[in-house]
Amino acid sequence: MSLTKELKQQLIKEYAVKEGDTGSPEVQVAVLSAEISALSAHLKKHPKDVHSAKGLSGLVANRRRLLTYLKKNDQGRYDALVKRLKLRK
C-alpha cells in the first residue's frame, strides 16, 4: 500500500529542482500523487476500508494545499508540474 523506498527515491530524483532536493513542492506533490494512486487502487479492492479512506482524504488535502501554495508563488512551476503529473484537464 505504501511506496517502496526505491520508488520514492526515483520520484525524488526525477522531480528534484536541484541536487539533494527532497522538500520542494514538486517533489512533495509527486510523492503524494504516487501514494494517492496506490491508496486509490487499494480502496477499489477494499471499499469498506474506512481508515484508509480517511488517510486518502488527508493525502489529497495535503497535495491540494501544496499545489495552492505553488500556484500562488510561482505560476510557471505550477503549470509545468500539473502538466507533467497530468493532474488537471
Protein backbone atom coordinates (compact mmCIF):
# COMPACT_ATOMS: atom_id res chain seq x y z
CA MET A 1 0.00 0.00 0.00
CA SER A 2 2.78 2.46 0.81
CA LEU A 3 5.57 3.34 -1.58
CA THR A 4 8.75 1.34 -1.68
CA LYS A 5 11.97 3.08 -0.82
CA GLU A 6 13.29 2.62 -4.37
CA LEU A 7 10.18 4.13 -5.97
CA LYS A 8 10.26 7.10 -3.62
CA GLN A 9 13.96 7.71 -4.36
CA GLN A 10 13.23 7.52 -8.08
CA LEU A 11 10.45 10.10 -7.76
CA ILE A 12 12.69 12.38 -5.71
CA LYS A 13 15.47 12.15 -8.32
CA GLU A 14 13.04 12.74 -11.20
CA TYR A 15 11.23 15.77 -9.73
CA ALA A 16 14.06 17.40 -7.75
CA VAL A 17 14.72 21.03 -8.59
CA LYS A 18 18.38 20.73 -7.57
CA GLU A 19 20.71 18.01 -6.28
CA GLY A 20 19.66 16.58 -2.91
CA ASP A 21 16.26 18.26 -3.05
CA THR A 22 13.54 16.48 -1.10
CA GLY A 23 11.46 19.35 0.23
CA SER A 24 10.45 21.30 -2.85
CA PRO A 25 6.73 21.36 -3.64
CA GLU A 26 7.37 19.49 -6.89
CA VAL A 27 8.92 16.53 -5.09
CA GLN A 28 6.30 16.52 -2.34
CA VAL A 29 3.40 16.65 -4.80
CA ALA A 30 4.94 13.87 -6.92
CA VAL A 31 5.38 11.59 -3.90
CA LEU A 32 1.88 12.37 -2.63
CA SER A 33 0.42 11.67 -6.08
CA ALA A 34 2.08 8.26 -6.16
CA GLU A 35 0.78 7.47 -2.66
CA ILE A 36 -2.71 8.63 -3.65
CA SER A 37 -2.79 6.41 -6.72
CA ALA A 38 -1.60 3.40 -4.70
CA LEU A 39 -4.17 4.02 -1.99
CA SER A 40 -6.92 4.53 -4.56
CA ALA A 41 -6.13 1.14 -6.09
CA HIS A 42 -6.29 -0.42 -2.62
CA LEU A 43 -9.67 1.17 -1.94
CA LYS A 44 -11.08 -0.18 -5.20
CA LYS A 45 -10.35 -3.69 -3.93
CA HIS A 46 -11.41 -2.94 -0.34
CA PRO A 47 -14.22 -0.37 -0.46
CA LYS A 48 -15.16 -0.78 3.21
CA ASP A 49 -11.69 0.14 4.49
CA VAL A 50 -12.77 3.34 6.24
CA HIS A 51 -9.40 4.06 7.85
CA SER A 52 -7.61 4.03 4.50
CA ALA A 53 -10.31 6.25 3.01
CA LYS A 54 -9.71 8.77 5.77
CA GLY A 55 -5.97 8.63 5.08
CA LEU A 56 -6.62 9.14 1.37
CA SER A 57 -8.66 12.26 2.00
CA GLY A 58 -5.81 13.62 4.14
CA LEU A 59 -3.25 12.96 1.41
CA VAL A 60 -5.46 14.67 -1.18
CA ALA A 61 -5.86 17.67 1.13
CA ASN A 62 -2.07 17.91 1.63
CA ARG A 63 -1.48 17.75 -2.11
CA ARG A 64 -4.14 20.39 -2.77
CA ARG A 65 -2.54 22.66 -0.14
CA LEU A 66 0.91 22.29 -1.73
CA LEU A 67 -0.48 22.96 -5.20
CA THR A 68 -2.26 26.08 -3.96
CA TYR A 69 0.99 27.32 -2.42
CA LEU A 70 2.90 26.68 -5.63
CA LYS A 71 0.23 28.35 -7.77
CA LYS A 72 0.26 31.43 -5.55
CA ASN A 73 4.06 31.78 -5.50
CA ASP A 74 5.17 30.58 -8.95
CA GLN A 75 2.54 30.06 -11.63
CA GLY A 76 5.06 28.73 -14.17
CA ARG A 77 6.32 25.94 -11.93
CA TYR A 78 2.70 25.11 -11.02
CA ASP A 79 1.65 24.83 -14.67
CA ALA A 80 4.68 22.68 -15.51
CA LEU A 81 4.06 20.34 -12.58
CA VAL A 82 0.35 19.90 -13.26
CA LYS A 83 1.09 19.16 -16.91
CA ARG A 84 3.88 16.74 -16.02
CA LEU A 85 1.79 14.83 -13.48
CA LYS A 86 -1.38 15.07 -15.61
CA LEU A 87 -3.41 16.19 -12.59
CA ARG A 88 -5.91 18.59 -14.17
CA LYS A 89 -7.60 18.66 -17.54
